[in-house]
Every structure is written in C-alpha cells, then in structure tokens.
Amino acid sequence: MASRMSRRRFTAAAGTIVAAGAVPQALAQTGEKGMSNTRFINPPAISKPPGYTHVVEITGPARIVYVAGQLGIDAGGKMGADFRAQCEQAFTNLKAALAAVGAGPEHVVKVNNYIVDIGKNIPIYREVRDRYLNMAAPPASTTIGVPQLARDGALFEVEAVVMLPT
C-alpha cells in the first residue's frame, strides 16, 4: 500500500528541494543581485523595462514579508495636499514599514502601485519611486491607473513584497 503524504509534509519537502538548488535555473539574462539568493532578471526575449525588473527569483532560505498598501497619510492621520505630497508620504511610510522588519529598499522584490489620474501623475510617481527604491536592481512592479482608492481623497497607494535572509 502506497503511503500518503500530508500537504504540510509535501510542502516542507518541496521547500527543502528548492533550498537545496534542485530547481533548474531560469533560462534568462542574469541581472543584478541584491542578496546572494536573489536574482533580478530581464529576459532578452522581453523588452527591457524602465524602472523595474520583469522577473525576481529567490532561491534557498529566506523570510518573506508583505507590506500592505501605504497611502500618503502621515502618522497623525493628515493626508498630503496633492499627488506629489501623497506619493512622498506613501514611500516614507513604506520605508518605515521596511525598517520595522530590518529591511531596506534593497530587499524589496515586488511593488504594486495604484495611481489616480495615471496619465497626469505617472511622471511624478517615477521620480519619487526612483529616490526610494533600489534602482540598481529595481523590483518587479505593477502600476495600475484607478478611478479612485478606498480612502476619499487618496491619490496614490504602494504595497510591497520583501525578501530577507533567514
């Protein structure tokens, strides 16, 4: 009779295999490395993007941290008066969230951005983003234009995925 493995044991075994390096390397152009187990890759078959990386690969043991969407609201609850002020504050909040887990911009592997009136505001977003993230090895990124955000008056939101060594 075949033995059955629980999902938990299967997942743990699969994680061990990945950590041991048994998963083949992606056939892609190697990019900058942020941590010894992180590769930032822009495959040559895809147009090189400005300001972000198409693929971020993590192998081996690491800690994953998810940072919830940060708005342009300061610790006192005051929202920035315009898009630039809100974008600056949102990235300041992201920086504080990273620091809370011992991370810095070099540990960010993915960001999602939500911009109200994207056609008008994306140049400002890119300018601010470039000062707060590691643009030598930019994270994977998705930026979406939205009609509005959950909080009245909010014009920008950024969320992040962070990888830290164990």
Foldseek 3Di string as FASTA:
>chain_A
DDDDDDPVRVVVVVLVCQQVPVDDDDPADWADDLDPQKTFTAGPVDPDDPQEGADIGGTHAKDKDKFPKFWQADPVGDHDPDDLSGLLSSLVVVQVVQVVVPHALSFWAEKEKEFEPCVVCVVSNSVNSVVGHDSSRHHHYHYYYDNDDPDPPTGMIMITMGIGHD
